[in-house]
Amino acid sequence: MQKLSDMTPYLGDVMPYLYDGSANEGLRVCSVYAMHLFPEGSGEMEIEGVRHPLDKRALVFLRPGQPHAFHISPERPLASYNLYFDLWDARTPQSLDRVFIYAPEPFHLPAIAAERPCAELDAMPGVSSLQACPELYEELLRIIKVYEESRYYRSEILNSMMYAWMLNWYNALHTRRPSDYRIVKLLEHLERHPEKRESVGAWWEMCGLNRTYFHELFLRETGFTPKAYQHRLRMRRAAILLRESDLSITAVADKLGYPSIHPFTRHFGAYYGVSPMQYRRRPATPPLSPWPDDATPGS
């Protein structure tokens, strides 16, 4: 079984397209992988007989040979960016010469892009939205721009970008993302000020919620209690300061709102398993995870 990290993408073609309800938008199959990015939404996408609404920043992901159709009203044409690519064979890519077959002809393609058994890829949705992931949306537009404008090493650049984009997309789909605007606003405040020693009461007042519902909502949106979430932010900031600044450990503790170095050292050691000094002296290695599942002080 392959993993997404085993991919060798090849982006064969990128083209803007205006869907206007014409006949060639009916049921069909394509010989390669395809993505259709709709900046605006107005219409439906049919994949293997199931219809999905196309909302703003909708992303359609199609596999080779997958029956699909666009249901767009001629009165409301819909612009799209279409990307055609291979995922498992960059040496002899089919996306340089894609083929479409339209119903009612039998869907028999003479050749299709290479496919591999990959549970992670199988879990990716046919229709999703990038509305909540602006960085993914902008990066996909960046890939399109590079395709249109680059002159040198275009394939090498684009294939690397597609590889990173696919992995980031998978990560975004499988990462908890708070959506309630009140909790999102509070999290932004905590990110900016992990050093502040505020009461939980101040937080639920900031959100305009009562105590019980605030705790329930925060846990549902983040998976953590409020104090545990703040503690993890503080430890993450501590690790960054230890590695990327010349501040003394005492100064780091002070910057994070600790009254002295002693509770800071105790909390850091309990969280990361090493003292702040040991962490700083470690050789450059992949950073320790700032989000372990074990209990931490303040949870």
Protein backbone atom coordinates (compact mmCIF):
# COMPACT_ATOMS: atom_id res chain seq x y z
CA MET A 1 0.00 0.00 0.00
CA GLN A 2 1.44 3.36 -1.08
CA LYS A 3 1.42 6.56 0.97
CA LEU A 4 0.82 10.04 -0.38
CA SER A 5 4.46 10.81 0.32
CA ASP A 6 5.38 8.20 -2.33
CA MET A 7 3.80 10.29 -5.10
CA THR A 8 5.78 11.54 -8.10
CA PRO A 9 3.41 14.19 -9.52
CA TYR A 10 3.59 15.61 -13.01
CA LEU A 11 1.44 18.62 -13.90
CA GLY A 12 0.76 18.27 -17.61
CA ASP A 13 -1.66 21.12 -18.28
CA VAL A 14 -3.41 24.06 -16.65
CA MET A 15 -6.16 26.00 -18.35
CA PRO A 16 -8.86 28.51 -17.45
CA TYR A 17 -12.32 27.45 -18.57
CA LEU A 18 -15.82 28.93 -18.56
CA TYR A 19 -18.56 26.36 -17.97
CA ASP A 20 -21.74 27.56 -19.64
CA GLY A 21 -23.97 24.48 -19.77
CA SER A 22 -22.82 23.34 -23.21
CA ALA A 23 -23.12 19.74 -24.40
CA ASN A 24 -19.50 18.76 -23.78
CA GLU A 25 -20.01 19.34 -20.05
CA GLY A 26 -22.23 16.26 -19.85
CA LEU A 27 -21.31 12.82 -18.55
CA ARG A 28 -17.72 11.90 -19.45
CA VAL A 29 -14.47 10.38 -18.24
CA CYS A 30 -10.89 11.61 -18.48
CA SER A 31 -7.69 9.58 -18.77
CA VAL A 32 -5.79 11.49 -16.06
CA TYR A 33 -6.20 13.04 -12.64
CA ALA A 34 -7.91 16.43 -12.70
CA MET A 35 -8.72 19.31 -10.39
CA HIS A 36 -11.26 22.04 -11.08
CA LEU A 37 -11.06 25.13 -8.89
CA PHE A 38 -14.14 27.36 -8.89
CA PRO A 39 -13.45 30.82 -7.36
CA GLU A 40 -17.20 31.45 -7.31
CA GLY A 41 -20.00 28.96 -6.87
CA SER A 42 -23.19 28.44 -8.84
CA GLY A 43 -24.07 24.99 -10.07
CA GLU A 44 -23.59 21.31 -9.33
CA MET A 45 -20.96 18.67 -9.96
CA GLU A 46 -21.95 15.07 -10.61
CA ILE A 47 -19.44 12.34 -9.74
CA GLU A 48 -20.42 8.69 -10.29
CA GLY A 49 -24.10 9.60 -10.22
CA VAL A 50 -24.00 11.74 -7.06
CA ARG A 51 -24.56 15.48 -7.32
CA HIS A 52 -22.63 17.98 -5.20
CA PRO A 53 -23.25 21.74 -4.93
CA LEU A 54 -20.45 24.00 -6.12
CA ASP A 55 -19.95 26.73 -3.55
CA LYS A 56 -17.42 29.55 -3.53
CA ARG A 57 -13.84 28.22 -3.77
CA ALA A 58 -15.10 24.72 -4.46
CA LEU A 59 -12.44 22.19 -5.43
CA VAL A 60 -13.29 19.15 -7.53
CA PHE A 61 -10.82 16.24 -7.52
CA LEU A 62 -11.29 13.54 -10.16
CA ARG A 63 -9.54 10.22 -10.64
CA PRO A 64 -8.66 8.72 -14.05
CA GLY A 65 -11.71 7.12 -15.64
CA GLN A 66 -14.14 8.50 -13.04
CA PRO A 67 -17.54 9.37 -14.62
CA HIS A 68 -18.50 12.98 -13.99
CA ALA A 69 -20.62 15.81 -15.36
CA PHE A 70 -21.00 19.55 -14.82
CA HIS A 71 -24.50 20.91 -14.26
CA ILE A 72 -24.16 24.63 -14.97
CA SER A 73 -26.96 26.97 -16.05
CA PRO A 74 -26.32 28.87 -19.33
CA GLU A 75 -27.76 31.92 -17.55
CA ARG A 76 -25.09 31.66 -14.86
CA PRO A 77 -21.80 30.51 -16.43
CA LEU A 78 -19.09 29.51 -14.01
CA ALA A 79 -15.35 30.14 -14.39
CA SER A 80 -12.85 27.49 -13.38
CA TYR A 81 -9.16 26.71 -13.37
CA ASN A 82 -8.56 23.17 -14.62
CA LEU A 83 -5.42 21.23 -13.75
CA TYR A 84 -4.58 17.89 -15.40
CA PHE A 85 -1.84 15.78 -13.87
CA ASP A 86 -0.29 12.43 -13.05
CA LEU A 87 0.45 11.38 -9.48
CA TRP A 88 2.51 8.21 -9.79
CA ASP A 89 4.50 8.46 -13.02
CA ALA A 90 6.53 11.56 -13.87
CA ARG A 91 8.63 9.75 -16.48
CA THR A 92 5.89 8.85 -18.96
CA PRO A 93 3.02 11.14 -17.94
CA GLN A 94 -0.36 10.75 -19.59
CA SER A 95 -1.40 14.29 -18.64
CA LEU A 96 0.57 15.71 -21.55
CA ASP A 97 -1.94 14.06 -23.88
CA ARG A 98 -5.17 13.57 -21.95
CA VAL A 99 -8.21 11.91 -23.53
CA PHE A 100 -11.94 12.44 -22.87
CA ILE A 101 -14.74 10.03 -23.73
CA TYR A 102 -18.31 11.27 -23.60
CA ALA A 103 -21.56 9.42 -22.93
CA PRO A 104 -23.34 7.54 -24.45
CA GLU A 105 -20.15 5.98 -25.85
CA PRO A 106 -18.69 3.15 -23.75
CA PHE A 107 -16.21 4.54 -21.25
CA HIS A 108 -13.23 2.60 -22.55
CA LEU A 109 -10.00 4.57 -22.43
CA PRO A 110 -7.03 3.26 -24.45
CA ALA A 111 -4.61 4.41 -21.72
CA ILE A 112 -4.95 6.10 -18.36
CA ALA A 113 -2.60 7.71 -15.87
CA ALA A 114 -0.88 5.28 -13.54
CA GLU A 115 -2.77 4.52 -10.32
CA ARG A 116 -1.49 2.93 -7.12
CA PRO A 117 -3.31 1.49 -4.11
CA CYS A 118 -3.25 4.36 -1.60
CA ALA A 119 -5.75 4.57 1.25
CA GLU A 120 -4.80 8.19 1.96
CA LEU A 121 -5.58 9.22 -1.61
CA ASP A 122 -8.81 7.19 -1.58
CA ALA A 123 -9.92 9.22 1.44
CA MET A 124 -9.63 12.54 -0.40
CA PRO A 125 -13.06 14.00 -1.28
CA GLY A 126 -14.31 14.46 -4.82
CA VAL A 127 -15.81 17.86 -3.97
CA SER A 128 -14.63 20.03 -1.11
CA SER A 129 -14.23 23.70 -0.27
CA LEU A 130 -11.05 25.72 0.23
CA GLN A 131 -13.04 28.56 1.81
CA ALA A 132 -11.72 27.69 5.26
CA CYS A 133 -8.16 27.13 3.94
CA PRO A 134 -7.14 30.42 2.29
CA GLU A 135 -3.47 29.41 2.24
CA LEU A 136 -4.29 26.32 0.14
CA TYR A 137 -6.46 28.38 -2.19
CA GLU A 138 -3.75 30.99 -2.70
CA GLU A 139 -1.06 28.36 -3.22
CA LEU A 140 -3.13 26.66 -5.91
CA LEU A 141 -3.48 30.02 -7.65
CA ARG A 142 0.28 30.39 -7.29
CA ILE A 143 0.80 27.04 -9.04
CA ILE A 144 -1.41 28.24 -11.89
CA LYS A 145 0.55 31.48 -12.15
CA VAL A 146 3.90 29.65 -12.23
CA TYR A 147 2.57 27.37 -14.98
CA GLU A 148 1.57 30.38 -17.07
CA GLU A 149 4.66 32.53 -16.48
CA SER A 150 7.73 30.40 -15.78
CA ARG A 151 10.31 29.83 -18.51
CA TYR A 152 13.06 27.79 -16.89
CA TYR A 153 12.73 24.51 -14.97
CA ARG A 154 8.97 24.83 -15.10
CA SER A 155 8.22 21.12 -14.73
CA GLU A 156 10.64 20.70 -11.85
CA ILE A 157 9.15 23.68 -9.99
CA LEU A 158 5.53 22.76 -10.66
CA ASN A 159 5.91 19.09 -9.82
CA SER A 160 7.50 19.99 -6.49
CA MET A 161 4.72 22.48 -5.79
CA MET A 162 2.04 19.91 -6.62
CA TYR A 163 3.69 17.36 -4.33
CA ALA A 164 3.74 19.82 -1.43
CA TRP A 165 0.20 21.02 -2.17
CA MET A 166 -1.27 17.51 -2.12
CA LEU A 167 0.39 16.73 1.22
CA ASN A 168 -0.78 20.05 2.68
CA TRP A 169 -4.31 19.41 1.43
CA TYR A 170 -4.38 16.01 3.10
CA ASN A 171 -3.05 17.56 6.30
CA ALA A 172 -5.67 20.33 6.25
CA LEU A 173 -8.49 17.84 5.75
CA HIS A 174 -7.35 15.75 8.70
CA THR A 175 -6.50 18.55 11.13
CA ARG A 176 -9.03 19.91 13.58
CA ARG A 177 -9.91 23.49 12.62
CA PRO A 178 -12.08 25.57 14.96
CA SER A 179 -14.96 27.21 13.13
CA ASP A 180 -17.03 29.07 15.76
CA TYR A 181 -16.14 32.74 15.28
CA ARG A 182 -16.08 33.44 19.03
CA ILE A 183 -13.58 30.69 19.74
CA VAL A 184 -11.53 31.59 16.66
CA LYS A 185 -11.27 35.18 17.90
CA LEU A 186 -10.14 34.01 21.32
CA LEU A 187 -7.55 31.65 19.84
CA GLU A 188 -6.09 34.52 17.82
CA HIS A 189 -5.80 36.52 21.07
CA LEU A 190 -4.07 33.62 22.83
CA GLU A 191 -1.66 33.15 19.91
CA ARG A 192 -0.65 36.81 20.10
CA HIS A 193 -0.33 36.88 23.90
CA PRO A 194 0.64 33.45 25.31
CA GLU A 195 2.38 35.27 28.17
CA LYS A 196 -0.76 36.88 29.59
CA ARG A 197 -1.99 35.45 32.90
CA GLU A 198 -5.69 35.95 32.31
CA SER A 199 -8.48 34.14 34.07
CA VAL A 200 -10.74 31.74 32.23
CA GLY A 201 -13.58 34.02 33.32
CA ALA A 202 -12.07 36.83 31.27
CA TRP A 203 -12.06 34.50 28.26
CA TRP A 204 -15.70 33.50 28.45
CA GLU A 205 -16.66 37.15 28.90
CA MET A 206 -14.56 37.99 25.83
CA CYS A 207 -16.58 35.39 23.90
CA GLY A 208 -19.89 36.62 25.32
CA LEU A 209 -20.72 33.16 26.69
CA ASN A 210 -21.64 31.76 30.07
CA ARG A 211 -19.14 29.58 31.90
CA THR A 212 -20.67 26.16 31.18
CA TYR A 213 -21.30 26.68 27.49
CA PHE A 214 -17.89 28.30 27.00
CA HIS A 215 -16.09 25.25 28.36
CA GLU A 216 -18.23 22.87 26.29
CA LEU A 217 -17.75 24.88 23.10
CA PHE A 218 -14.00 25.38 23.59
CA LEU A 219 -13.45 21.66 24.16
CA ARG A 220 -15.58 20.75 21.14
CA GLU A 221 -13.79 23.25 18.87
CA THR A 222 -10.20 22.54 19.95
CA GLY A 223 -10.13 19.19 21.72
CA PHE A 224 -8.52 20.85 24.77
CA THR A 225 -9.60 22.64 27.92
CA PRO A 226 -8.86 26.39 27.78
CA LYS A 227 -5.91 26.26 30.19
CA ALA A 228 -4.41 23.18 28.53
CA TYR A 229 -4.61 24.93 25.16
CA GLN A 230 -2.89 28.04 26.52
CA HIS A 231 -0.21 25.92 28.19
CA ARG A 232 0.59 24.21 24.90
CA LEU A 233 0.87 27.57 23.16
CA ARG A 234 3.22 28.80 25.88
CA MET A 235 5.42 25.70 25.60
CA ARG A 236 5.53 26.00 21.83
CA ARG A 237 6.63 29.64 22.10
CA ALA A 238 9.22 28.65 24.70
CA ALA A 239 10.75 26.05 22.36
CA ILE A 240 10.98 28.61 19.55
CA LEU A 241 12.63 31.20 21.78
CA LEU A 242 15.14 28.68 23.11
CA ARG A 243 16.15 27.60 19.62
CA GLU A 244 15.94 30.86 17.70
CA SER A 245 16.92 33.60 20.16
CA ASP A 246 19.87 34.44 22.39
CA LEU A 247 17.66 35.18 25.38
CA SER A 248 18.72 33.60 28.64
CA ILE A 249 16.41 30.95 30.07
CA THR A 250 15.44 33.41 32.80
CA ALA A 251 14.55 35.97 30.13
CA VAL A 252 12.51 33.37 28.23
CA ALA A 253 10.61 32.55 31.40
CA ASP A 254 9.96 36.23 32.04
CA LYS A 255 8.82 36.80 28.44
CA LEU A 256 6.26 34.02 28.83
CA GLY A 257 4.84 35.51 32.02
CA TYR A 258 6.45 33.21 34.59
CA PRO A 259 7.25 34.83 37.96
CA SER A 260 10.61 32.99 38.09
CA ILE A 261 12.69 30.44 36.23
CA HIS A 262 11.74 27.56 38.55
CA PRO A 263 8.08 26.96 37.54
CA PHE A 264 9.04 27.53 33.90
CA THR A 265 11.77 24.86 34.07
CA ARG A 266 9.40 22.46 35.83
CA HIS A 267 6.63 22.93 33.26
CA PHE A 268 8.98 22.75 30.28
CA GLY A 269 10.63 19.56 31.57
CA ALA A 270 7.27 17.90 32.24
CA TYR A 271 6.07 18.84 28.75
CA TYR A 272 9.11 18.00 26.59
CA GLY A 273 10.93 15.51 28.80
CA VAL A 274 14.12 17.61 28.88
CA SER A 275 15.15 20.79 30.65
CA PRO A 276 15.22 24.11 28.76
CA MET A 277 19.04 24.02 28.78
CA GLN A 278 19.14 20.45 27.43
CA TYR A 279 16.64 21.38 24.73
CA ARG A 280 18.74 24.37 23.66
CA ARG A 281 21.93 22.30 23.51
CA ARG A 282 20.44 19.56 21.36
CA PRO A 283 21.76 19.40 17.77
CA ALA A 284 19.45 20.67 15.06
CA THR A 285 16.90 17.88 14.68
CA PRO A 286 13.19 17.79 13.85
CA PRO A 287 11.52 19.79 16.64
CA LEU A 288 9.76 18.01 19.45
CA SER A 289 6.02 17.95 18.97
CA PRO A 290 4.32 20.90 20.67
CA TRP A 291 0.99 19.04 20.83
CA PRO A 292 1.49 15.74 22.71
CA ASP A 293 -1.53 13.82 23.92
CA ASP A 294 -0.39 13.42 27.52
CA ALA A 295 -1.67 15.60 30.34
CA THR A 296 0.18 18.79 31.11
CA PRO A 297 0.23 21.28 33.99
CA GLY A 298 -2.77 23.56 33.93
CA SER A 299 -5.04 21.09 32.11
